[in-house]
Amino acid sequence: MVLWSIISSPRASLSLQQVLDLANMYLEDARKAIDPNIALVLCHDTEVSLSQVKKAAKHTNDTNMREDIASIYIELGDFLETQGRKNEAQAFYKKSMKWG
């Protein structure tokens, strides 16, 4: 089956704060997901959103933005740890230290 998008991703038009909000929404939905595979997809979407913010945040001295990124990484690690994915959780904890 070939899939393509009818609507192009408007993610590029979002502000950095909106992308952080989107990452938080993905993570919140991952916590609510009953199916662990869906939860992992949502965790991946969280990480993709964070990677977009990180590119821009590297060139800013906005400490609130950096703290928000670190906080989401910690929460992502906490969630993955509850799912028994300790290696991934540790990787996100390490990433959080770079930002917080």
PDB file of N, CA and C in Angstrom:
ATOM      1  N   MET A   1       0.838  -1.164   0.000  1.00  0.00           N
ATOM      2  CA  MET A   1       0.000   0.000   0.000  1.00  0.00           C
ATOM      3  C   MET A   1       0.894   1.241   0.000  1.00  0.00           C
ATOM      4  N   VAL A   2       0.615   2.176  -0.872  1.00  0.00           N
ATOM      5  CA  VAL A   2       1.365   3.418  -0.949  1.00  0.00           C
ATOM      6  C   VAL A   2       0.546   4.502  -0.273  1.00  0.00           C
ATOM      7  N   LEU A   3       1.198   5.196   0.627  1.00  0.00           N
ATOM      8  CA  LEU A   3       0.523   6.292   1.321  1.00  0.00           C
ATOM      9  C   LEU A   3       1.198   7.600   0.966  1.00  0.00           C
ATOM     10  N   TRP A   4       0.420   8.618   0.800  1.00  0.00           N
ATOM     11  CA  TRP A   4       0.951   9.947   0.590  1.00  0.00           C
ATOM     12  C   TRP A   4       0.029  10.907   1.297  1.00  0.00           C
ATOM     13  N   SER A   5       0.487  12.084   1.470  1.00  0.00           N
ATOM     14  CA  SER A   5      -0.268  13.069   2.221  1.00  0.00           C
ATOM     15  C   SER A   5      -0.998  14.002   1.271  1.00  0.00           C
ATOM     16  N   ILE A   6      -2.261  14.196   1.545  1.00  0.00           N
ATOM     17  CA  ILE A   6      -3.042  15.164   0.784  1.00  0.00           C
ATOM     18  C   ILE A   6      -2.735  16.567   1.301  1.00  0.00           C
ATOM     19  N   ILE A   7      -2.562  16.656   2.606  1.00  0.00           N
ATOM     20  CA  ILE A   7      -2.263  17.937   3.240  1.00  0.00           C
ATOM     21  C   ILE A   7      -0.794  17.937   3.635  1.00  0.00           C
ATOM     22  N   SER A   8      -0.060  18.924   3.183  1.00  0.00           N
ATOM     23  CA  SER A   8       1.350  18.994   3.567  1.00  0.00           C
ATOM     24  C   SER A   8       1.452  19.376   5.042  1.00  0.00           C
ATOM     25  N   SER A   9       2.513  18.967   5.659  1.00  0.00           N
ATOM     26  CA  SER A   9       2.701  19.236   7.078  1.00  0.00           C
ATOM     27  C   SER A   9       2.914  20.720   7.313  1.00  0.00           C
ATOM     28  N   PRO A  10       2.054  21.308   8.122  1.00  0.00           N
ATOM     29  CA  PRO A  10       2.223  22.733   8.425  1.00  0.00           C
ATOM     30  C   PRO A  10       3.178  22.962   9.596  1.00  0.00           C
ATOM     31  N   ARG A  11       3.866  21.913  10.029  1.00  0.00           N
ATOM     32  CA  ARG A  11       4.741  22.021  11.204  1.00  0.00           C
ATOM     33  C   ARG A  11       5.762  23.137  11.047  1.00  0.00           C
ATOM     34  N   ALA A  12       6.267  23.342   9.836  1.00  0.00           N
ATOM     35  CA  ALA A  12       7.282  24.368   9.611  1.00  0.00           C
ATOM     36  C   ALA A  12       6.757  25.774   9.870  1.00  0.00           C
ATOM     37  N   SER A  13       5.445  25.937   9.800  1.00  0.00           N
ATOM     38  CA  SER A  13       4.887  27.273  10.014  1.00  0.00           C
ATOM     39  C   SER A  13       4.589  27.558  11.488  1.00  0.00           C
ATOM     40  N   LEU A  14       4.828  26.583  12.364  1.00  0.00           N
ATOM     41  CA  LEU A  14       4.566  26.773  13.783  1.00  0.00           C
ATOM     42  C   LEU A  14       5.704  27.536  14.455  1.00  0.00           C
ATOM     43  N   SER A  15       5.355  28.300  15.481  1.00  0.00           N
ATOM     44  CA  SER A  15       6.392  28.952  16.282  1.00  0.00           C
ATOM     45  C   SER A  15       7.084  27.891  17.140  1.00  0.00           C
ATOM     46  N   LEU A  16       8.214  28.246  17.710  1.00  0.00           N
ATOM     47  CA  LEU A  16       8.924  27.296  18.565  1.00  0.00           C
ATOM     48  C   LEU A  16       8.069  26.887  19.760  1.00  0.00           C
ATOM     49  N   GLN A  17       7.338  27.847  20.324  1.00  0.00           N
ATOM     50  CA  GLN A  17       6.472  27.518  21.449  1.00  0.00           C
ATOM     51  C   GLN A  17       5.363  26.563  21.026  1.00  0.00           C
ATOM     52  N   GLN A  18       4.818  26.754  19.847  1.00  0.00           N
ATOM     53  CA  GLN A  18       3.778  25.854  19.355  1.00  0.00           C
ATOM     54  C   GLN A  18       4.327  24.445  19.140  1.00  0.00           C
ATOM     55  N   VAL A  19       5.554  24.339  18.665  1.00  0.00           N
ATOM     56  CA  VAL A  19       6.152  23.027  18.471  1.00  0.00           C
ATOM     57  C   VAL A  19       6.390  22.355  19.829  1.00  0.00           C
ATOM     58  N   LEU A  20       6.813  23.138  20.828  1.00  0.00           N
ATOM     59  CA  LEU A  20       6.947  22.578  22.178  1.00  0.00           C
ATOM     60  C   LEU A  20       5.594  22.115  22.711  1.00  0.00           C
ATOM     61  N   ASP A  21       4.566  22.906  22.467  1.00  0.00           N
ATOM     62  CA  ASP A  21       3.215  22.513  22.880  1.00  0.00           C
ATOM     63  C   ASP A  21       2.796  21.214  22.192  1.00  0.00           C
ATOM     64  N   LEU A  22       3.122  21.108  20.914  1.00  0.00           N
ATOM     65  CA  LEU A  22       2.804  19.901  20.158  1.00  0.00           C
ATOM     66  C   LEU A  22       3.539  18.690  20.739  1.00  0.00           C
ATOM     67  N   ALA A  23       4.806  18.872  21.093  1.00  0.00           N
ATOM     68  CA  ALA A  23       5.574  17.783  21.705  1.00  0.00           C
ATOM     69  C   ALA A  23       4.911  17.340  23.008  1.00  0.00           C
ATOM     70  N   ASN A  24       4.468  18.298  23.800  1.00  0.00           N
ATOM     71  CA  ASN A  24       3.776  17.963  25.046  1.00  0.00           C
ATOM     72  C   ASN A  24       2.473  17.215  24.794  1.00  0.00           C
ATOM     73  N   MET A  25       1.754  17.596  23.745  1.00  0.00           N
ATOM     74  CA  MET A  25       0.505  16.905  23.411  1.00  0.00           C
ATOM     75  C   MET A  25       0.768  15.458  23.002  1.00  0.00           C
ATOM     76  N   TYR A  26       1.805  15.263  22.187  1.00  0.00           N
ATOM     77  CA  TYR A  26       2.161  13.896  21.790  1.00  0.00           C
ATOM     78  C   TYR A  26       2.496  13.055  23.023  1.00  0.00           C
ATOM     79  N   LEU A  27       3.269  13.632  23.927  1.00  0.00           N
ATOM     80  CA  LEU A  27       3.668  12.898  25.123  1.00  0.00           C
ATOM     81  C   LEU A  27       2.464  12.598  26.013  1.00  0.00           C
ATOM     82  N   GLU A  28       1.572  13.558  26.139  1.00  0.00           N
ATOM     83  CA  GLU A  28       0.353  13.339  26.930  1.00  0.00           C
ATOM     84  C   GLU A  28      -0.486  12.218  26.320  1.00  0.00           C
ATOM     85  N   ASP A  29      -0.600  12.222  25.000  1.00  0.00           N
ATOM     86  CA  ASP A  29      -1.357  11.155  24.327  1.00  0.00           C
ATOM     87  C   ASP A  29      -0.665   9.800  24.485  1.00  0.00           C
ATOM     88  N   ALA A  30       0.664   9.797  24.485  1.00  0.00           N
ATOM     89  CA  ALA A  30       1.398   8.547  24.690  1.00  0.00           C
ATOM     90  C   ALA A  30       1.076   7.969  26.062  1.00  0.00           C
ATOM     91  N   ARG A  31       1.005   8.831  27.055  1.00  0.00           N
ATOM     92  CA  ARG A  31       0.671   8.363  28.411  1.00  0.00           C
ATOM     93  C   ARG A  31      -0.732   7.761  28.468  1.00  0.00           C
ATOM     94  N   LYS A  32      -1.638   8.287  27.657  1.00  0.00           N
ATOM     95  CA  LYS A  32      -3.034   7.834  27.665  1.00  0.00           C
ATOM     96  C   LYS A  32      -3.257   6.597  26.786  1.00  0.00           C
ATOM     97  N   ALA A  33      -2.320   6.322  25.904  1.00  0.00           N
ATOM     98  CA  ALA A  33      -2.497   5.232  24.938  1.00  0.00           C
ATOM     99  C   ALA A  33      -2.553   3.882  25.647  1.00  0.00           C
ATOM    100  N   ILE A  34      -3.498   3.080  25.228  1.00  0.00           N
ATOM    101  CA  ILE A  34      -3.631   1.729  25.774  1.00  0.00           C
ATOM    102  C   ILE A  34      -2.677   0.780  25.055  1.00  0.00           C
ATOM    103  N   ASP A  35      -2.544   0.979  23.771  1.00  0.00           N
ATOM    104  CA  ASP A  35      -1.676   0.132  22.949  1.00  0.00           C
ATOM    105  C   ASP A  35      -0.231   0.628  23.073  1.00  0.00           C
ATOM    106  N   PRO A  36       0.684  -0.209  23.555  1.00  0.00           N
ATOM    107  CA  PRO A  36       2.073   0.230  23.727  1.00  0.00           C
ATOM    108  C   PRO A  36       2.772   0.600  22.420  1.00  0.00           C
ATOM    109  N   ASN A  37       2.349   0.015  21.314  1.00  0.00           N
ATOM    110  CA  ASN A  37       2.947   0.371  20.024  1.00  0.00           C
ATOM    111  C   ASN A  37       2.550   1.786  19.614  1.00  0.00           C
ATOM    112  N   ILE A  38       1.306   2.138  19.864  1.00  0.00           N
ATOM    113  CA  ILE A  38       0.859   3.504  19.572  1.00  0.00           C
ATOM    114  C   ILE A  38       1.590   4.483  20.483  1.00  0.00           C
ATOM    115  N   ALA A  39       1.767   4.104  21.740  1.00  0.00           N
ATOM    116  CA  ALA A  39       2.491   4.966  22.685  1.00  0.00           C
ATOM    117  C   ALA A  39       3.908   5.241  22.180  1.00  0.00           C
ATOM    118  N   LEU A  40       4.568   4.218  21.627  1.00  0.00           N
ATOM    119  CA  LEU A  40       5.923   4.407  21.113  1.00  0.00           C
ATOM    120  C   LEU A  40       5.950   5.323  19.893  1.00  0.00           C
ATOM    121  N   VAL A  41       4.946   5.211  19.034  1.00  0.00           N
ATOM    122  CA  VAL A  41       4.860   6.103  17.877  1.00  0.00           C
ATOM    123  C   VAL A  41       4.710   7.544  18.363  1.00  0.00           C
ATOM    124  N   LEU A  42       3.880   7.747  19.371  1.00  0.00           N
ATOM    125  CA  LEU A  42       3.684   9.087  19.909  1.00  0.00           C
ATOM    126  C   LEU A  42       4.951   9.609  20.589  1.00  0.00           C
ATOM    127  N   CYS A  43       5.711   8.725  21.221  1.00  0.00           N
ATOM    128  CA  CYS A  43       7.001   9.123  21.795  1.00  0.00           C
ATOM    129  C   CYS A  43       7.950   9.556  20.690  1.00  0.00           C
ATOM    130  N   HIS A  44       7.938   8.825  19.591  1.00  0.00           N
ATOM    131  CA  HIS A  44       8.768   9.203  18.443  1.00  0.00           C
ATOM    132  C   HIS A  44       8.351  10.571  17.914  1.00  0.00           C
ATOM    133  N   ASP A  45       7.049  10.814  17.804  1.00  0.00           N
ATOM    134  CA  ASP A  45       6.566  12.112  17.345  1.00  0.00           C
ATOM    135  C   ASP A  45       7.005  13.230  18.294  1.00  0.00           C
ATOM    136  N   THR A  46       7.037  12.917  19.589  1.00  0.00           N
ATOM    137  CA  THR A  46       7.526  13.882  20.577  1.00  0.00           C
ATOM    138  C   THR A  46       8.975  14.226  20.281  1.00  0.00           C
ATOM    139  N   GLU A  47       9.776  13.189  20.045  1.00  0.00           N
ATOM    140  CA  GLU A  47      11.193  13.401  19.775  1.00  0.00           C
ATOM    141  C   GLU A  47      11.405  14.184  18.479  1.00  0.00           C
ATOM    142  N   VAL A  48      10.624  13.893  17.450  1.00  0.00           N
ATOM    143  CA  VAL A  48      10.736  14.613  16.172  1.00  0.00           C
ATOM    144  C   VAL A  48      10.430  16.095  16.380  1.00  0.00           C
ATOM    145  N   SER A  49       9.394  16.371  17.150  1.00  0.00           N
ATOM    146  CA  SER A  49       9.054  17.768  17.434  1.00  0.00           C
ATOM    147  C   SER A  49      10.188  18.459  18.186  1.00  0.00           C
ATOM    148  N   LEU A  50      10.755  17.759  19.164  1.00  0.00           N
ATOM    149  CA  LEU A  50      11.858  18.346  19.921  1.00  0.00           C
ATOM    150  C   LEU A  50      13.070  18.608  19.037  1.00  0.00           C
ATOM    151  N   SER A  51      13.320  17.741  18.084  1.00  0.00           N
ATOM    152  CA  SER A  51      14.492  17.952  17.218  1.00  0.00           C
ATOM    153  C   SER A  51      14.326  19.227  16.408  1.00  0.00           C
ATOM    154  N   GLN A  52      13.104  19.547  16.028  1.00  0.00           N
ATOM    155  CA  GLN A  52      12.847  20.788  15.291  1.00  0.00           C
ATOM    156  C   GLN A  52      13.123  21.995  16.182  1.00  0.00           C
ATOM    157  N   VAL A  53      12.701  21.932  17.430  1.00  0.00           N
ATOM    158  CA  VAL A  53      12.908  23.041  18.353  1.00  0.00           C
ATOM    159  C   VAL A  53      14.386  23.192  18.686  1.00  0.00           C
ATOM    160  N   LYS A  54      15.071  22.069  18.857  1.00  0.00           N
ATOM    161  CA  LYS A  54      16.482  22.105  19.237  1.00  0.00           C
ATOM    162  C   LYS A  54      17.332  22.833  18.211  1.00  0.00           C
ATOM    163  N   LYS A  55      17.024  22.655  16.952  1.00  0.00           N
ATOM    164  CA  LYS A  55      17.806  23.308  15.905  1.00  0.00           C
ATOM    165  C   LYS A  55      17.785  24.822  16.086  1.00  0.00           C
ATOM    166  N   ALA A  56      16.621  25.353  16.382  1.00  0.00           N
ATOM    167  CA  ALA A  56      16.489  26.797  16.575  1.00  0.00           C
ATOM    168  C   ALA A  56      16.995  27.231  17.942  1.00  0.00           C
ATOM    169  N   ALA A  57      16.788  26.399  18.951  1.00  0.00           N
ATOM    170  CA  ALA A  57      17.160  26.765  20.317  1.00  0.00           C
ATOM    171  C   ALA A  57      18.670  26.782  20.529  1.00  0.00           C
ATOM    172  N   LYS A  58      19.419  26.102  19.686  1.00  0.00           N
ATOM    173  CA  LYS A  58      20.876  26.110  19.811  1.00  0.00           C
ATOM    174  C   LYS A  58      21.436  27.526  19.671  1.00  0.00           C
ATOM    175  N   HIS A  59      20.718  28.372  18.960  1.00  0.00           N
ATOM    176  CA  HIS A  59      21.199  29.712  18.660  1.00  0.00           C
ATOM    177  C   HIS A  59      20.503  30.778  19.495  1.00  0.00           C
ATOM    178  N   THR A  60      19.956  30.370  20.617  1.00  0.00           N
ATOM    179  CA  THR A  60      19.260  31.333  21.466  1.00  0.00           C
ATOM    180  C   THR A  60      19.754  31.203  22.901  1.00  0.00           C
ATOM    181  N   ASN A  61      19.615  32.265  23.638  1.00  0.00           N
ATOM    182  CA  ASN A  61      19.947  32.241  25.059  1.00  0.00           C
ATOM    183  C   ASN A  61      18.687  32.184  25.906  1.00  0.00           C
ATOM    184  N   ASP A  62      17.579  31.792  25.312  1.00  0.00           N
ATOM    185  CA  ASP A  62      16.298  31.712  26.011  1.00  0.00           C
ATOM    186  C   ASP A  62      16.323  30.551  26.997  1.00  0.00           C
ATOM    187  N   THR A  63      16.549  30.858  28.267  1.00  0.00           N
ATOM    188  CA  THR A  63      16.665  29.801  29.278  1.00  0.00           C
ATOM    189  C   THR A  63      15.344  29.080  29.494  1.00  0.00           C
ATOM    190  N   ASN A  64      14.225  29.776  29.329  1.00  0.00           N
ATOM    191  CA  ASN A  64      12.927  29.106  29.478  1.00  0.00           C
ATOM    192  C   ASN A  64      12.740  28.035  28.409  1.00  0.00           C
ATOM    193  N   MET A  65      13.136  28.347  27.199  1.00  0.00           N
ATOM    194  CA  MET A  65      13.021  27.389  26.094  1.00  0.00           C
ATOM    195  C   MET A  65      13.899  26.168  26.384  1.00  0.00           C
ATOM    196  N   ARG A  66      15.113  26.421  26.825  1.00  0.00           N
ATOM    197  CA  ARG A  66      16.034  25.326  27.130  1.00  0.00           C
ATOM    198  C   ARG A  66      15.491  24.463  28.265  1.00  0.00           C
ATOM    199  N   GLU A  67      14.922  25.089  29.287  1.00  0.00           N
ATOM    200  CA  GLU A  67      14.347  24.341  30.408  1.00  0.00           C
ATOM    201  C   GLU A  67      13.137  23.526  29.966  1.00  0.00           C
ATOM    202  N   ASP A  68      12.343  24.095  29.066  1.00  0.00           N
ATOM    203  CA  ASP A  68      11.182  23.354  28.549  1.00  0.00           C
ATOM    204  C   ASP A  68      11.629  22.114  27.775  1.00  0.00           C
ATOM    205  N   ILE A  69      12.666  22.262  26.969  1.00  0.00           N
ATOM    206  CA  ILE A  69      13.189  21.116  26.211  1.00  0.00           C
ATOM    207  C   ILE A  69      13.684  20.047  27.180  1.00  0.00           C
ATOM    208  N   ALA A  70      14.462  20.466  28.183  1.00  0.00           N
ATOM    209  CA  ALA A  70      14.980  19.516  29.173  1.00  0.00           C
ATOM    210  C   ALA A  70      13.849  18.816  29.904  1.00  0.00           C
ATOM    211  N   SER A  71      12.824  19.561  30.260  1.00  0.00           N
ATOM    212  CA  SER A  71      11.690  18.993  30.990  1.00  0.00           C
ATOM    213  C   SER A  71      10.960  17.932  30.173  1.00  0.00           C
ATOM    214  N   ILE A  72      10.762  18.197  28.898  1.00  0.00           N
ATOM    215  CA  ILE A  72      10.079  17.214  28.041  1.00  0.00           C
ATOM    216  C   ILE A  72      10.932  15.964  27.899  1.00  0.00           C
ATOM    217  N   TYR A  73      12.257  16.145  27.766  1.00  0.00           N
ATOM    218  CA  TYR A  73      13.134  14.970  27.694  1.00  0.00           C
ATOM    219  C   TYR A  73      13.042  14.139  28.970  1.00  0.00           C
ATOM    220  N   ILE A  74      13.002  14.793  30.120  1.00  0.00           N
ATOM    221  CA  ILE A  74      12.886  14.067  31.388  1.00  0.00           C
ATOM    222  C   ILE A  74      11.559  13.319  31.450  1.00  0.00           C
ATOM    223  N   GLU A  75      10.487  14.000  31.083  1.00  0.00           N
ATOM    224  CA  GLU A  75       9.164  13.353  31.101  1.00  0.00           C
ATOM    225  C   GLU A  75       9.105  12.188  30.122  1.00  0.00           C
ATOM    226  N   LEU A  76       9.735  12.351  28.984  1.00  0.00           N
ATOM    227  CA  LEU A  76       9.790  11.262  27.998  1.00  0.00           C
ATOM    228  C   LEU A  76      10.566  10.079  28.576  1.00  0.00           C
ATOM    229  N   GLY A  77      11.672  10.363  29.231  1.00  0.00           N
ATOM    230  CA  GLY A  77      12.443   9.308  29.884  1.00  0.00           C
ATOM    231  C   GLY A  77      11.646   8.620  30.979  1.00  0.00           C
ATOM    232  N   ASP A  78      10.939   9.415  31.788  1.00  0.00           N
ATOM    233  CA  ASP A  78      10.115   8.843  32.856  1.00  0.00           C
ATOM    234  C   ASP A  78       9.054   7.900  32.290  1.00  0.00           C
ATOM    235  N   PHE A  79       8.407   8.348  31.221  1.00  0.00           N
ATOM    236  CA  PHE A  79       7.366   7.511  30.614  1.00  0.00           C
ATOM    237  C   PHE A  79       7.958   6.216  30.079  1.00  0.00           C
ATOM    238  N   LEU A  80       9.052   6.324  29.345  1.00  0.00           N
ATOM    239  CA  LEU A  80       9.661   5.131  28.763  1.00  0.00           C
ATOM    240  C   LEU A  80      10.146   4.175  29.850  1.00  0.00           C
ATOM    241  N   GLU A  81      10.603   4.711  30.959  1.00  0.00           N
ATOM    242  CA  GLU A  81      11.024   3.847  32.062  1.00  0.00           C
ATOM    243  C   GLU A  81       9.838   3.052  32.606  1.00  0.00           C
ATOM    244  N   THR A  82       8.666   3.687  32.695  1.00  0.00           N
ATOM    245  CA  THR A  82       7.479   2.958  33.171  1.00  0.00           C
ATOM    246  C   THR A  82       7.056   1.875  32.188  1.00  0.00           C
ATOM    247  N   GLN A  83       7.499   2.012  30.945  1.00  0.00           N
ATOM    248  CA  GLN A  83       7.177   1.029  29.912  1.00  0.00           C
ATOM    249  C   GLN A  83       8.234  -0.068  29.811  1.00  0.00           C
ATOM    250  N   GLY A  84       9.215  -0.024  30.720  1.00  0.00           N
ATOM    251  CA  GLY A  84      10.261  -1.030  30.718  1.00  0.00           C
ATOM    252  C   GLY A  84      11.348  -0.783  29.694  1.00  0.00           C
ATOM    253  N   ARG A  85      11.426   0.394  29.170  1.00  0.00           N
ATOM    254  CA  ARG A  85      12.403   0.733  28.131  1.00  0.00           C
ATOM    255  C   ARG A  85      13.507   1.592  28.762  1.00  0.00           C
ATOM    256  N   LYS A  86      14.263   0.951  29.631  1.00  0.00           N
ATOM    257  CA  LYS A  86      15.251   1.657  30.449  1.00  0.00           C
ATOM    258  C   LYS A  86      16.392   2.274  29.637  1.00  0.00           C
ATOM    259  N   ASN A  87      16.838   1.593  28.598  1.00  0.00           N
ATOM    260  CA  ASN A  87      17.931   2.148  27.778  1.00  0.00           C
ATOM    261  C   ASN A  87      17.506   3.445  27.093  1.00  0.00           C
ATOM    262  N   GLU A  88      16.311   3.436  26.512  1.00  0.00           N
ATOM    263  CA  GLU A  88      15.811   4.646  25.864  1.00  0.00           C
ATOM    264  C   GLU A  88      15.604   5.749  26.889  1.00  0.00           C
ATOM    265  N   ALA A  89      15.085   5.380  28.054  1.00  0.00           N
ATOM    266  CA  ALA A  89      14.866   6.371  29.120  1.00  0.00           C
ATOM    267  C   ALA A  89      16.185   7.033  29.502  1.00  0.00           C
ATOM    268  N   GLN A  90      17.238   6.239  29.671  1.00  0.00           N
ATOM    269  CA  GLN A  90      18.544   6.788  30.043  1.00  0.00           C
ATOM    270  C   GLN A  90      19.076   7.725  28.956  1.00  0.00           C
ATOM    271  N   ALA A  91      18.839   7.388  27.704  1.00  0.00           N
ATOM    272  CA  ALA A  91      19.288   8.250  26.608  1.00  0.00           C
ATOM    273  C   ALA A  91      18.595   9.614  26.677  1.00  0.00           C
ATOM    274  N   PHE A  92      17.308   9.611  27.007  1.00  0.00           N
ATOM    275  CA  PHE A  92      16.593  10.889  27.109  1.00  0.00           C
ATOM    276  C   PHE A  92      17.011  11.668  28.348  1.00  0.00           C
ATOM    277  N   TYR A  93      17.322  10.978  29.435  1.00  0.00           N
ATOM    278  CA  TYR A  93      17.834  11.669  30.614  1.00  0.00           C
ATOM    279  C   TYR A  93      19.156  12.369  30.287  1.00  0.00           C
ATOM    280  N   LYS A  94      20.010  11.699  29.511  1.00  0.00           N
ATOM    281  CA  LYS A  94      21.279  12.313  29.099  1.00  0.00           C
ATOM    282  C   LYS A  94      21.034  13.547  28.242  1.00  0.00           C
ATOM    283  N   LYS A  95      20.089  13.433  27.315  1.00  0.00           N
ATOM    284  CA  LYS A  95      19.778  14.576  26.465  1.00  0.00           C
ATOM    285  C   LYS A  95      19.270  15.748  27.301  1.00  0.00           C
ATOM    286  N   SER A  96      18.499  15.448  28.333  1.00  0.00           N
ATOM    287  CA  SER A  96      17.949  16.537  29.162  1.00  0.00           C
ATOM    288  C   SER A  96      19.061  17.316  29.853  1.00  0.00           C
ATOM    289  N   MET A  97      20.135  16.639  30.215  1.00  0.00           N
ATOM    290  CA  MET A  97      21.248  17.323  30.898  1.00  0.00           C
ATOM    291  C   MET A  97      21.922  18.372  29.997  1.00  0.00           C
ATOM    292  N   LYS A  98      21.879  18.160  28.702  1.00  0.00           N
ATOM    293  CA  LYS A  98      22.479  19.111  27.766  1.00  0.00           C
ATOM    294  C   LYS A  98      21.664  20.405  27.680  1.00  0.00           C
ATOM    295  N   TRP A  99      20.390  20.323  28.042  1.00  0.00           N
ATOM    296  CA  TRP A  99      19.494  21.459  27.849  1.00  0.00           C
ATOM    297  C   TRP A  99      19.088  22.161  29.135  1.00  0.00           C
ATOM    298  N   GLY A 100      19.110  21.451  30.242  1.00  0.00           N
ATOM    299  CA  GLY A 100      18.608  22.037  31.494  1.00  0.00           C
ATOM    300  C   GLY A 100      19.657  22.604  32.381  1.00  0.00           C
TER     301      GLY A 100
END
